[in-house]
Amino acid sequence: MPRRNSPKPEEHRPLGGGVGWARTEVGPGGEEYLVRAISGAQAQKTYRCPGCDHEIRPGVPHVVAWPAHEAGSAEERRHWHQGCWDSRGRRGPTSKRF
């Protein structure tokens, strides 16, 4: 029987100061954000994307982003469509949040 390779411990280390599976990204103005991808299976609620002001419905994969200096603050988290997050530097959000 073939042997299964165990994942390396460093592959499971959380990023962003221990806040979970978040990566750090630098915004167009130099500010740092923690960003976490949400799969369609994880998306259970409806959110409003600050990039396009449209709803993100349950089951739709998207990203959650928040300022790195607010690492534990749930009030600062925003749910974005992936495309809106990627293009925020070109068009800016509809609200003044990021």
N, C-alpha and C. Protein backbone atom coordinates (compact mmCIF):
# COMPACT_ATOMS: atom_id res chain seq x y z
N MET A 1 0.85 -1.17 0.00
CA MET A 1 0.00 0.00 0.00
C MET A 1 0.90 1.24 0.00
N PRO A 2 0.56 2.27 -0.82
CA PRO A 2 1.37 3.48 -0.86
C PRO A 2 1.28 4.25 0.46
N ARG A 3 2.36 4.90 0.76
CA ARG A 3 2.43 5.70 1.97
C ARG A 3 1.87 7.10 1.69
N ARG A 4 1.12 7.63 2.63
CA ARG A 4 0.63 9.01 2.51
C ARG A 4 1.64 9.95 3.11
N ASN A 5 1.95 10.99 2.39
CA ASN A 5 2.87 11.99 2.91
C ASN A 5 2.12 12.91 3.86
N SER A 6 2.69 13.13 5.01
CA SER A 6 2.10 14.03 5.99
C SER A 6 2.39 15.47 5.60
N PRO A 7 1.43 16.37 5.81
CA PRO A 7 1.72 17.78 5.53
C PRO A 7 2.78 18.29 6.48
N LYS A 8 3.57 19.20 6.01
CA LYS A 8 4.61 19.80 6.83
C LYS A 8 3.99 20.79 7.81
N PRO A 9 4.48 20.83 9.05
CA PRO A 9 3.88 21.73 10.05
C PRO A 9 3.86 23.19 9.63
N GLU A 10 4.89 23.66 8.91
CA GLU A 10 4.92 25.07 8.53
C GLU A 10 3.83 25.43 7.52
N GLU A 11 3.23 24.43 6.85
CA GLU A 11 2.15 24.71 5.91
C GLU A 11 0.85 25.08 6.62
N HIS A 12 0.73 24.77 7.89
CA HIS A 12 -0.50 25.02 8.63
C HIS A 12 -0.38 26.19 9.60
N ARG A 13 0.66 26.94 9.49
CA ARG A 13 0.86 28.07 10.39
C ARG A 13 -0.03 29.23 9.96
N PRO A 14 -0.85 29.77 10.85
CA PRO A 14 -1.70 30.90 10.47
C PRO A 14 -0.88 32.14 10.18
N LEU A 15 -1.37 32.94 9.25
CA LEU A 15 -0.71 34.19 8.90
C LEU A 15 -1.44 35.35 9.56
N GLY A 16 -0.83 36.50 9.53
CA GLY A 16 -1.48 37.71 10.02
C GLY A 16 -1.59 37.78 11.53
N GLY A 17 -0.59 37.31 12.24
CA GLY A 17 -0.60 37.45 13.69
C GLY A 17 -1.51 36.48 14.40
N GLY A 18 -1.76 35.32 13.81
CA GLY A 18 -2.55 34.31 14.49
C GLY A 18 -4.04 34.52 14.42
N VAL A 19 -4.55 35.19 13.43
CA VAL A 19 -5.99 35.43 13.33
C VAL A 19 -6.68 34.39 12.45
N GLY A 20 -6.01 33.33 12.10
CA GLY A 20 -6.61 32.31 11.25
C GLY A 20 -5.92 32.25 9.91
N TRP A 21 -6.60 31.73 8.93
CA TRP A 21 -6.03 31.57 7.59
C TRP A 21 -6.17 32.85 6.80
N ALA A 22 -5.52 33.89 7.23
CA ALA A 22 -5.56 35.18 6.55
C ALA A 22 -4.18 35.50 6.00
N ARG A 23 -4.17 36.18 4.88
CA ARG A 23 -2.90 36.63 4.30
C ARG A 23 -2.86 38.15 4.41
N THR A 24 -1.68 38.70 4.43
CA THR A 24 -1.52 40.14 4.49
C THR A 24 -1.37 40.69 3.08
N GLU A 25 -2.12 41.74 2.77
CA GLU A 25 -2.01 42.43 1.48
C GLU A 25 -1.83 43.91 1.74
N VAL A 26 -1.10 44.56 0.87
CA VAL A 26 -0.90 46.00 0.96
C VAL A 26 -1.81 46.67 -0.05
N GLY A 27 -2.59 47.64 0.42
CA GLY A 27 -3.52 48.35 -0.43
C GLY A 27 -2.84 49.40 -1.29
N PRO A 28 -3.60 50.05 -2.19
CA PRO A 28 -3.04 51.05 -3.08
C PRO A 28 -2.39 52.22 -2.35
N GLY A 29 -2.87 52.54 -1.16
CA GLY A 29 -2.31 53.65 -0.40
C GLY A 29 -1.23 53.24 0.58
N GLY A 30 -0.81 51.97 0.54
CA GLY A 30 0.23 51.49 1.43
C GLY A 30 -0.27 50.90 2.73
N GLU A 31 -1.58 50.93 2.96
CA GLU A 31 -2.14 50.36 4.18
C GLU A 31 -2.18 48.83 4.08
N GLU A 32 -2.04 48.15 5.21
CA GLU A 32 -2.03 46.69 5.23
C GLU A 32 -3.40 46.17 5.63
N TYR A 33 -3.83 45.10 4.94
CA TYR A 33 -5.08 44.43 5.23
C TYR A 33 -4.83 42.95 5.43
N LEU A 34 -5.64 42.34 6.27
CA LEU A 34 -5.67 40.90 6.38
C LEU A 34 -6.83 40.42 5.52
N VAL A 35 -6.58 39.42 4.69
CA VAL A 35 -7.58 38.96 3.72
C VAL A 35 -7.72 37.46 3.86
N ARG A 36 -8.95 37.00 3.93
CA ARG A 36 -9.22 35.57 4.02
C ARG A 36 -10.23 35.18 2.95
N ALA A 37 -9.95 34.12 2.21
CA ALA A 37 -10.87 33.61 1.19
C ALA A 37 -11.96 32.79 1.86
N ILE A 38 -13.20 32.98 1.43
CA ILE A 38 -14.34 32.23 1.92
C ILE A 38 -14.87 31.39 0.77
N SER A 39 -14.94 30.09 0.97
CA SER A 39 -15.45 29.21 -0.09
C SER A 39 -16.97 29.31 -0.16
N GLY A 40 -17.53 28.84 -1.23
CA GLY A 40 -18.98 28.84 -1.37
C GLY A 40 -19.67 28.03 -0.28
N ALA A 41 -19.04 26.92 0.13
CA ALA A 41 -19.62 26.09 1.20
C ALA A 41 -19.59 26.81 2.55
N GLN A 42 -18.63 27.69 2.76
CA GLN A 42 -18.53 28.43 4.02
C GLN A 42 -19.45 29.64 4.05
N ALA A 43 -19.84 30.16 2.90
CA ALA A 43 -20.65 31.38 2.83
C ALA A 43 -22.10 31.05 3.19
N GLN A 44 -22.50 31.41 4.39
CA GLN A 44 -23.81 31.05 4.91
C GLN A 44 -24.80 32.22 5.00
N LYS A 45 -24.29 33.45 4.93
CA LYS A 45 -25.14 34.62 5.11
C LYS A 45 -25.04 35.54 3.90
N THR A 46 -25.96 36.49 3.82
CA THR A 46 -25.93 37.50 2.77
C THR A 46 -25.17 38.72 3.29
N TYR A 47 -24.25 39.21 2.48
CA TYR A 47 -23.47 40.40 2.80
C TYR A 47 -23.59 41.39 1.66
N ARG A 48 -23.23 42.64 1.90
CA ARG A 48 -23.22 43.65 0.85
C ARG A 48 -21.78 44.02 0.58
N CYS A 49 -21.36 43.86 -0.68
CA CYS A 49 -20.00 44.16 -1.09
C CYS A 49 -19.79 45.67 -1.11
N PRO A 50 -18.77 46.20 -0.42
CA PRO A 50 -18.53 47.64 -0.46
C PRO A 50 -17.93 48.11 -1.78
N GLY A 51 -17.49 47.19 -2.62
CA GLY A 51 -16.91 47.56 -3.90
C GLY A 51 -17.94 47.88 -4.97
N CYS A 52 -19.04 47.10 -4.98
CA CYS A 52 -20.06 47.30 -6.02
C CYS A 52 -21.44 47.58 -5.45
N ASP A 53 -21.58 47.48 -4.13
CA ASP A 53 -22.84 47.69 -3.43
C ASP A 53 -23.90 46.65 -3.80
N HIS A 54 -23.48 45.49 -4.31
CA HIS A 54 -24.41 44.39 -4.59
C HIS A 54 -24.29 43.35 -3.49
N GLU A 55 -25.31 42.51 -3.39
CA GLU A 55 -25.30 41.46 -2.38
C GLU A 55 -24.35 40.33 -2.74
N ILE A 56 -23.76 39.76 -1.71
CA ILE A 56 -23.03 38.50 -1.83
C ILE A 56 -23.94 37.48 -1.17
N ARG A 57 -24.53 36.63 -1.95
CA ARG A 57 -25.52 35.67 -1.45
C ARG A 57 -24.85 34.43 -0.84
N PRO A 58 -25.59 33.70 0.00
CA PRO A 58 -25.05 32.45 0.53
C PRO A 58 -24.64 31.51 -0.60
N GLY A 59 -23.52 30.84 -0.42
CA GLY A 59 -23.02 29.92 -1.42
C GLY A 59 -22.08 30.53 -2.44
N VAL A 60 -21.89 31.85 -2.39
CA VAL A 60 -21.00 32.54 -3.33
C VAL A 60 -19.62 32.73 -2.69
N PRO A 61 -18.57 32.18 -3.31
CA PRO A 61 -17.23 32.41 -2.76
C PRO A 61 -16.86 33.89 -2.83
N HIS A 62 -16.14 34.36 -1.81
CA HIS A 62 -15.75 35.77 -1.75
C HIS A 62 -14.57 35.91 -0.79
N VAL A 63 -14.18 37.13 -0.48
CA VAL A 63 -13.09 37.37 0.47
C VAL A 63 -13.60 38.26 1.60
N VAL A 64 -12.97 38.10 2.76
CA VAL A 64 -13.21 38.97 3.90
C VAL A 64 -11.91 39.72 4.14
N ALA A 65 -12.00 41.03 4.29
CA ALA A 65 -10.81 41.85 4.49
C ALA A 65 -11.05 42.81 5.64
N TRP A 66 -9.98 43.09 6.38
CA TRP A 66 -10.04 44.05 7.46
C TRP A 66 -8.66 44.65 7.66
N PRO A 67 -8.58 45.88 8.19
CA PRO A 67 -7.28 46.52 8.41
C PRO A 67 -6.42 45.67 9.35
N ALA A 68 -5.14 45.56 9.04
CA ALA A 68 -4.23 44.74 9.84
C ALA A 68 -4.11 45.26 11.26
N HIS A 69 -4.22 46.55 11.46
CA HIS A 69 -4.12 47.10 12.81
C HIS A 69 -5.34 46.78 13.66
N GLU A 70 -6.42 46.31 13.05
CA GLU A 70 -7.66 45.92 13.74
C GLU A 70 -7.81 44.41 13.70
N ALA A 71 -6.74 43.67 13.95
CA ALA A 71 -6.70 42.22 13.74
C ALA A 71 -7.84 41.47 14.42
N GLY A 72 -8.29 41.89 15.56
CA GLY A 72 -9.33 41.15 16.24
C GLY A 72 -10.70 41.77 16.15
N SER A 73 -10.85 42.84 15.40
CA SER A 73 -12.09 43.61 15.37
C SER A 73 -13.07 43.10 14.31
N ALA A 74 -14.15 42.49 14.75
CA ALA A 74 -15.18 41.99 13.82
C ALA A 74 -15.92 43.15 13.16
N GLU A 75 -15.97 44.31 13.81
CA GLU A 75 -16.69 45.46 13.24
C GLU A 75 -16.02 46.00 11.98
N GLU A 76 -14.72 45.78 11.84
CA GLU A 76 -13.98 46.31 10.70
C GLU A 76 -13.93 45.35 9.51
N ARG A 77 -14.41 44.13 9.67
CA ARG A 77 -14.37 43.16 8.57
C ARG A 77 -15.40 43.50 7.52
N ARG A 78 -14.99 43.38 6.27
CA ARG A 78 -15.88 43.62 5.13
C ARG A 78 -15.79 42.44 4.18
N HIS A 79 -16.94 42.03 3.67
CA HIS A 79 -17.03 40.93 2.72
C HIS A 79 -17.09 41.51 1.31
N TRP A 80 -16.18 41.07 0.45
CA TRP A 80 -16.04 41.60 -0.91
C TRP A 80 -16.15 40.48 -1.93
N HIS A 81 -16.71 40.76 -3.09
CA HIS A 81 -16.54 39.86 -4.23
C HIS A 81 -15.04 39.84 -4.55
N GLN A 82 -14.53 38.71 -4.99
CA GLN A 82 -13.10 38.63 -5.29
C GLN A 82 -12.70 39.66 -6.34
N GLY A 83 -13.49 39.81 -7.39
CA GLY A 83 -13.18 40.77 -8.44
C GLY A 83 -13.21 42.21 -7.95
N CYS A 84 -14.14 42.52 -7.07
CA CYS A 84 -14.22 43.88 -6.51
C CYS A 84 -13.02 44.17 -5.63
N TRP A 85 -12.60 43.18 -4.84
CA TRP A 85 -11.41 43.36 -3.99
C TRP A 85 -10.18 43.57 -4.86
N ASP A 86 -10.04 42.78 -5.92
CA ASP A 86 -8.87 42.89 -6.78
C ASP A 86 -8.81 44.22 -7.52
N SER A 87 -9.96 44.81 -7.83
CA SER A 87 -9.98 46.05 -8.61
C SER A 87 -10.24 47.29 -7.77
N ARG A 88 -10.20 47.18 -6.46
CA ARG A 88 -10.54 48.33 -5.61
C ARG A 88 -9.62 49.52 -5.80
N GLY A 89 -8.38 49.30 -6.21
CA GLY A 89 -7.46 50.41 -6.44
C GLY A 89 -7.77 51.18 -7.70
N ARG A 90 -8.47 50.55 -8.63
CA ARG A 90 -8.81 51.21 -9.89
C ARG A 90 -10.12 51.98 -9.82
N ARG A 91 -11.06 51.49 -9.00
CA ARG A 91 -12.34 52.17 -8.99
C ARG A 91 -12.78 52.64 -7.62
N GLY A 92 -12.22 52.08 -6.55
CA GLY A 92 -12.56 52.49 -5.19
C GLY A 92 -13.89 51.93 -4.74
N PRO A 93 -14.09 51.86 -3.44
CA PRO A 93 -15.34 51.32 -2.91
C PRO A 93 -16.48 52.33 -3.03
N THR A 94 -17.71 51.83 -2.97
CA THR A 94 -18.87 52.71 -3.01
C THR A 94 -19.05 53.41 -1.68
N SER A 95 -18.61 52.78 -0.59
CA SER A 95 -18.63 53.43 0.72
C SER A 95 -17.20 53.88 1.04
N LYS A 96 -17.06 54.61 2.08
CA LYS A 96 -15.75 55.15 2.44
C LYS A 96 -15.01 54.24 3.42
N ARG A 97 -15.26 52.95 3.38
CA ARG A 97 -14.68 52.02 4.35
C ARG A 97 -13.23 51.68 4.04
N PHE A 98 -12.87 51.34 2.82
CA PHE A 98 -11.49 50.96 2.47
C PHE A 98 -11.11 51.77 1.26
